[in-house]
Amino acid sequence: MQYEYVDKNREGDHICYYSDLRKMQNHYPNWSITKPLELIFSEIVTAWSDRLS
C-alpha cells in the first residue's frame, strides 16, 4: 500500500466526530447503532479489494 500524509483537511471531511452518543440517543430514542465496527471495517476492506482487483 502506498500512502502520503497530508496535514490538511480533505473537502467533505467532518469537522467533529461524536464518541458519546447519549445526547443523540436522547434526541432520537428510536435510533441505534445497527452495524458493529468490525463489520464496517470488513466492508471497507472488501470494497477496496474489489476496487483494486
PDB file of N, CA and C in Angstrom:
ATOM      1  N   MET A   1       0.854  -1.169   0.000  1.00  0.00           N
ATOM      2  CA  MET A   1       0.000   0.000   0.000  1.00  0.00           C
ATOM      3  C   MET A   1       0.903   1.236   0.000  1.00  0.00           C
ATOM      4  N   GLN A   2       0.600   2.146  -0.860  1.00  0.00           N
ATOM      5  CA  GLN A   2       1.319   3.414  -0.889  1.00  0.00           C
ATOM      6  C   GLN A   2       0.423   4.486  -0.295  1.00  0.00           C
ATOM      7  N   TYR A   3       1.011   5.365   0.485  1.00  0.00           N
ATOM      8  CA  TYR A   3       0.218   6.427   1.074  1.00  0.00           C
ATOM      9  C   TYR A   3       1.069   7.672   1.239  1.00  0.00           C
ATOM     10  N   GLU A   4       0.397   8.773   1.410  1.00  0.00           N
ATOM     11  CA  GLU A   4       1.064  10.050   1.632  1.00  0.00           C
ATOM     12  C   GLU A   4       0.279  10.783   2.705  1.00  0.00           C
ATOM     13  N   TYR A   5       0.982  11.274   3.731  1.00  0.00           N
ATOM     14  CA  TYR A   5       0.316  12.016   4.795  1.00  0.00           C
ATOM     15  C   TYR A   5       0.279  13.489   4.420  1.00  0.00           C
ATOM     16  N   VAL A   6      -0.907  14.054   4.413  1.00  0.00           N
ATOM     17  CA  VAL A   6      -1.085  15.476   4.127  1.00  0.00           C
ATOM     18  C   VAL A   6      -1.798  16.082   5.326  1.00  0.00           C
ATOM     19  N   ASP A   7      -1.151  17.031   5.988  1.00  0.00           N
ATOM     20  CA  ASP A   7      -1.719  17.631   7.202  1.00  0.00           C
ATOM     21  C   ASP A   7      -2.704  18.735   6.817  1.00  0.00           C
ATOM     22  N   LYS A   8      -3.766  18.341   6.103  1.00  0.00           N
ATOM     23  CA  LYS A   8      -4.773  19.287   5.642  1.00  0.00           C
ATOM     24  C   LYS A   8      -6.109  18.548   5.600  1.00  0.00           C
ATOM     25  N   ASN A   9      -7.166  19.188   6.044  1.00  0.00           N
ATOM     26  CA  ASN A   9      -8.484  18.577   5.975  1.00  0.00           C
ATOM     27  C   ASN A   9      -8.881  18.370   4.521  1.00  0.00           C
ATOM     28  N   ARG A  10      -9.481  17.216   4.250  1.00  0.00           N
ATOM     29  CA  ARG A  10      -9.962  16.950   2.904  1.00  0.00           C
ATOM     30  C   ARG A  10     -11.347  17.557   2.742  1.00  0.00           C
ATOM     31  N   GLU A  11     -11.685  17.974   1.547  1.00  0.00           N
ATOM     32  CA  GLU A  11     -13.017  18.506   1.285  1.00  0.00           C
ATOM     33  C   GLU A  11     -14.045  17.423   1.583  1.00  0.00           C
ATOM     34  N   GLY A  12     -15.047  17.763   2.343  1.00  0.00           N
ATOM     35  CA  GLY A  12     -16.081  16.803   2.701  1.00  0.00           C
ATOM     36  C   GLY A  12     -15.848  16.113   4.025  1.00  0.00           C
ATOM     37  N   ASP A  13     -14.643  16.280   4.607  1.00  0.00           N
ATOM     38  CA  ASP A  13     -14.400  15.669   5.922  1.00  0.00           C
ATOM     39  C   ASP A  13     -15.272  16.329   6.970  1.00  0.00           C
ATOM     40  N   HIS A  14     -15.680  15.543   7.944  1.00  0.00           N
ATOM     41  CA  HIS A  14     -16.459  16.083   9.054  1.00  0.00           C
ATOM     42  C   HIS A  14     -15.538  16.880   9.966  1.00  0.00           C
ATOM     43  N   ILE A  15     -16.052  17.962  10.510  1.00  0.00           N
ATOM     44  CA  ILE A  15     -15.269  18.792  11.410  1.00  0.00           C
ATOM     45  C   ILE A  15     -15.173  18.145  12.785  1.00  0.00           C
ATOM     46  N   CYS A  16     -16.206  17.426  13.187  1.00  0.00           N
ATOM     47  CA  CYS A  16     -16.176  16.796  14.509  1.00  0.00           C
ATOM     48  C   CYS A  16     -16.756  15.390  14.424  1.00  0.00           C
ATOM     49  N   TYR A  17     -16.373  14.594  15.379  1.00  0.00           N
ATOM     50  CA  TYR A  17     -16.853  13.225  15.477  1.00  0.00           C
ATOM     51  C   TYR A  17     -17.385  13.029  16.882  1.00  0.00           C
ATOM     52  N   TYR A  18     -18.428  12.250  17.020  1.00  0.00           N
ATOM     53  CA  TYR A  18     -19.052  12.022  18.318  1.00  0.00           C
ATOM     54  C   TYR A  18     -18.683  10.640  18.836  1.00  0.00           C
ATOM     55  N   SER A  19     -18.196  10.599  20.057  1.00  0.00           N
ATOM     56  CA  SER A  19     -17.927   9.309  20.678  1.00  0.00           C
ATOM     57  C   SER A  19     -18.919   9.044  21.814  1.00  0.00           C
ATOM     58  N   ASP A  20     -19.510  10.090  22.351  1.00  0.00           N
ATOM     59  CA  ASP A  20     -20.525   9.934  23.390  1.00  0.00           C
ATOM     60  C   ASP A  20     -21.885  10.155  22.733  1.00  0.00           C
ATOM     61  N   LEU A  21     -22.631   9.091  22.552  1.00  0.00           N
ATOM     62  CA  LEU A  21     -23.873   9.156  21.784  1.00  0.00           C
ATOM     63  C   LEU A  21     -25.114   9.335  22.654  1.00  0.00           C
ATOM     64  N   ARG A  22     -24.939   9.607  23.950  1.00  0.00           N
ATOM     65  CA  ARG A  22     -26.104   9.728  24.838  1.00  0.00           C
ATOM     66  C   ARG A  22     -27.045  10.853  24.416  1.00  0.00           C
ATOM     67  N   LYS A  23     -26.509  11.997  24.020  1.00  0.00           N
ATOM     68  CA  LYS A  23     -27.374  13.119  23.616  1.00  0.00           C
ATOM     69  C   LYS A  23     -28.146  12.761  22.342  1.00  0.00           C
ATOM     70  N   MET A  24     -27.469  12.129  21.404  1.00  0.00           N
ATOM     71  CA  MET A  24     -28.130  11.702  20.163  1.00  0.00           C
ATOM     72  C   MET A  24     -29.254  10.715  20.484  1.00  0.00           C
ATOM     73  N   GLN A  25     -28.982   9.778  21.371  1.00  0.00           N
ATOM     74  CA  GLN A  25     -29.994   8.785  21.727  1.00  0.00           C
ATOM     75  C   GLN A  25     -31.153   9.424  22.495  1.00  0.00           C
ATOM     76  N   ASN A  26     -30.883  10.472  23.274  1.00  0.00           N
ATOM     77  CA  ASN A  26     -31.954  11.187  23.963  1.00  0.00           C
ATOM     78  C   ASN A  26     -32.847  11.940  22.976  1.00  0.00           C
ATOM     79  N   HIS A  27     -32.227  12.544  21.959  1.00  0.00           N
ATOM     80  CA  HIS A  27     -32.982  13.313  20.966  1.00  0.00           C
ATOM     81  C   HIS A  27     -33.714  12.404  19.981  1.00  0.00           C
ATOM     82  N   TYR A  28     -33.141  11.237  19.711  1.00  0.00           N
ATOM     83  CA  TYR A  28     -33.724  10.295  18.745  1.00  0.00           C
ATOM     84  C   TYR A  28     -33.814   8.920  19.410  1.00  0.00           C
ATOM     85  N   PRO A  29     -34.804   8.707  20.271  1.00  0.00           N
ATOM     86  CA  PRO A  29     -34.881   7.466  21.051  1.00  0.00           C
ATOM     87  C   PRO A  29     -35.047   6.195  20.215  1.00  0.00           C
ATOM     88  N   ASN A  30     -35.547   6.292  19.005  1.00  0.00           N
ATOM     89  CA  ASN A  30     -35.701   5.104  18.157  1.00  0.00           C
ATOM     90  C   ASN A  30     -34.452   4.787  17.346  1.00  0.00           C
ATOM     91  N   TRP A  31     -33.445   5.648  17.438  1.00  0.00           N
ATOM     92  CA  TRP A  31     -32.194   5.448  16.704  1.00  0.00           C
ATOM     93  C   TRP A  31     -31.267   4.558  17.508  1.00  0.00           C
ATOM     94  N   SER A  32     -30.532   3.710  16.813  1.00  0.00           N
ATOM     95  CA  SER A  32     -29.488   2.920  17.464  1.00  0.00           C
ATOM     96  C   SER A  32     -28.445   2.536  16.425  1.00  0.00           C
ATOM     97  N   ILE A  33     -27.285   2.170  16.901  1.00  0.00           N
ATOM     98  CA  ILE A  33     -26.238   1.692  16.006  1.00  0.00           C
ATOM     99  C   ILE A  33     -26.667   0.330  15.485  1.00  0.00           C
ATOM    100  N   THR A  34     -26.597   0.144  14.177  1.00  0.00           N
ATOM    101  CA  THR A  34     -27.074  -1.111  13.590  1.00  0.00           C
ATOM    102  C   THR A  34     -25.953  -1.978  13.042  1.00  0.00           C
ATOM    103  N   LYS A  35     -24.748  -1.433  12.912  1.00  0.00           N
ATOM    104  CA  LYS A  35     -23.621  -2.207  12.396  1.00  0.00           C
ATOM    105  C   LYS A  35     -22.467  -2.143  13.385  1.00  0.00           C
ATOM    106  N   PRO A  36     -21.904  -3.290  13.721  1.00  0.00           N
ATOM    107  CA  PRO A  36     -20.722  -3.258  14.586  1.00  0.00           C
ATOM    108  C   PRO A  36     -19.506  -2.721  13.811  1.00  0.00           C
ATOM    109  N   LEU A  37     -18.598  -2.121  14.519  1.00  0.00           N
ATOM    110  CA  LEU A  37     -17.419  -1.524  13.906  1.00  0.00           C
ATOM    111  C   LEU A  37     -16.627  -2.539  13.085  1.00  0.00           C
ATOM    112  N   GLU A  38     -16.538  -3.764  13.559  1.00  0.00           N
ATOM    113  CA  GLU A  38     -15.804  -4.811  12.830  1.00  0.00           C
ATOM    114  C   GLU A  38     -16.404  -5.035  11.443  1.00  0.00           C
ATOM    115  N   LEU A  39     -17.727  -4.989  11.337  1.00  0.00           N
ATOM    116  CA  LEU A  39     -18.396  -5.170  10.048  1.00  0.00           C
ATOM    117  C   LEU A  39     -18.093  -3.994   9.113  1.00  0.00           C
ATOM    118  N   ILE A  40     -18.077  -2.802   9.650  1.00  0.00           N
ATOM    119  CA  ILE A  40     -17.762  -1.619   8.840  1.00  0.00           C
ATOM    120  C   ILE A  40     -16.356  -1.743   8.253  1.00  0.00           C
ATOM    121  N   PHE A  41     -15.381  -2.125   9.096  1.00  0.00           N
ATOM    122  CA  PHE A  41     -14.009  -2.295   8.598  1.00  0.00           C
ATOM    123  C   PHE A  41     -13.939  -3.409   7.566  1.00  0.00           C
ATOM    124  N   SER A  42     -14.655  -4.482   7.798  1.00  0.00           N
ATOM    125  CA  SER A  42     -14.674  -5.587   6.839  1.00  0.00           C
ATOM    126  C   SER A  42     -15.233  -5.130   5.487  1.00  0.00           C
ATOM    127  N   GLU A  43     -16.295  -4.340   5.515  1.00  0.00           N
ATOM    128  CA  GLU A  43     -16.881  -3.826   4.267  1.00  0.00           C
ATOM    129  C   GLU A  43     -15.915  -2.894   3.540  1.00  0.00           C
ATOM    130  N   ILE A  44     -15.173  -2.096   4.286  1.00  0.00           N
ATOM    131  CA  ILE A  44     -14.182  -1.200   3.665  1.00  0.00           C
ATOM    132  C   ILE A  44     -13.091  -2.019   2.986  1.00  0.00           C
ATOM    133  N   VAL A  45     -12.568  -3.035   3.679  1.00  0.00           N
ATOM    134  CA  VAL A  45     -11.519  -3.890   3.113  1.00  0.00           C
ATOM    135  C   VAL A  45     -12.033  -4.583   1.862  1.00  0.00           C
ATOM    136  N   THR A  46     -13.232  -5.141   1.928  1.00  0.00           N
ATOM    137  CA  THR A  46     -13.806  -5.825   0.771  1.00  0.00           C
ATOM    138  C   THR A  46     -13.972  -4.880  -0.416  1.00  0.00           C
ATOM    139  N   ALA A  47     -14.482  -3.679  -0.148  1.00  0.00           N
ATOM    140  CA  ALA A  47     -14.702  -2.706  -1.222  1.00  0.00           C
ATOM    141  C   ALA A  47     -13.377  -2.334  -1.886  1.00  0.00           C
ATOM    142  N   TRP A  48     -12.342  -2.099  -1.078  1.00  0.00           N
ATOM    143  CA  TRP A  48     -11.042  -1.739  -1.657  1.00  0.00           C
ATOM    144  C   TRP A  48     -10.426  -2.931  -2.396  1.00  0.00           C
ATOM    145  N   SER A  49     -10.587  -4.132  -1.873  1.00  0.00           N
ATOM    146  CA  SER A  49     -10.062  -5.320  -2.568  1.00  0.00           C
ATOM    147  C   SER A  49     -10.737  -5.472  -3.922  1.00  0.00           C
ATOM    148  N   ASP A  50     -12.055  -5.309  -3.960  1.00  0.00           N
ATOM    149  CA  ASP A  50     -12.783  -5.398  -5.225  1.00  0.00           C
ATOM    150  C   ASP A  50     -12.348  -4.301  -6.189  1.00  0.00           C
ATOM    151  N   ARG A  51     -12.157  -3.103  -5.663  1.00  0.00           N
ATOM    152  CA  ARG A  51     -11.789  -1.966  -6.493  1.00  0.00           C
ATOM    153  C   ARG A  51     -10.408  -2.149  -7.104  1.00  0.00           C
ATOM    154  N   LEU A  52      -9.488  -2.760  -6.363  1.00  0.00           N
ATOM    155  CA  LEU A  52      -8.110  -2.892  -6.832  1.00  0.00           C
ATOM    156  C   LEU A  52      -7.859  -4.150  -7.647  1.00  0.00           C
ATOM    157  N   SER A  53      -8.845  -5.039  -7.711  1.00  0.00           N
ATOM    158  CA  SER A  53      -8.611  -6.285  -8.470  1.00  0.00           C
ATOM    159  C   SER A  53      -9.215  -6.218  -9.853  1.00  0.00           C
TER     160      SER A  53
END
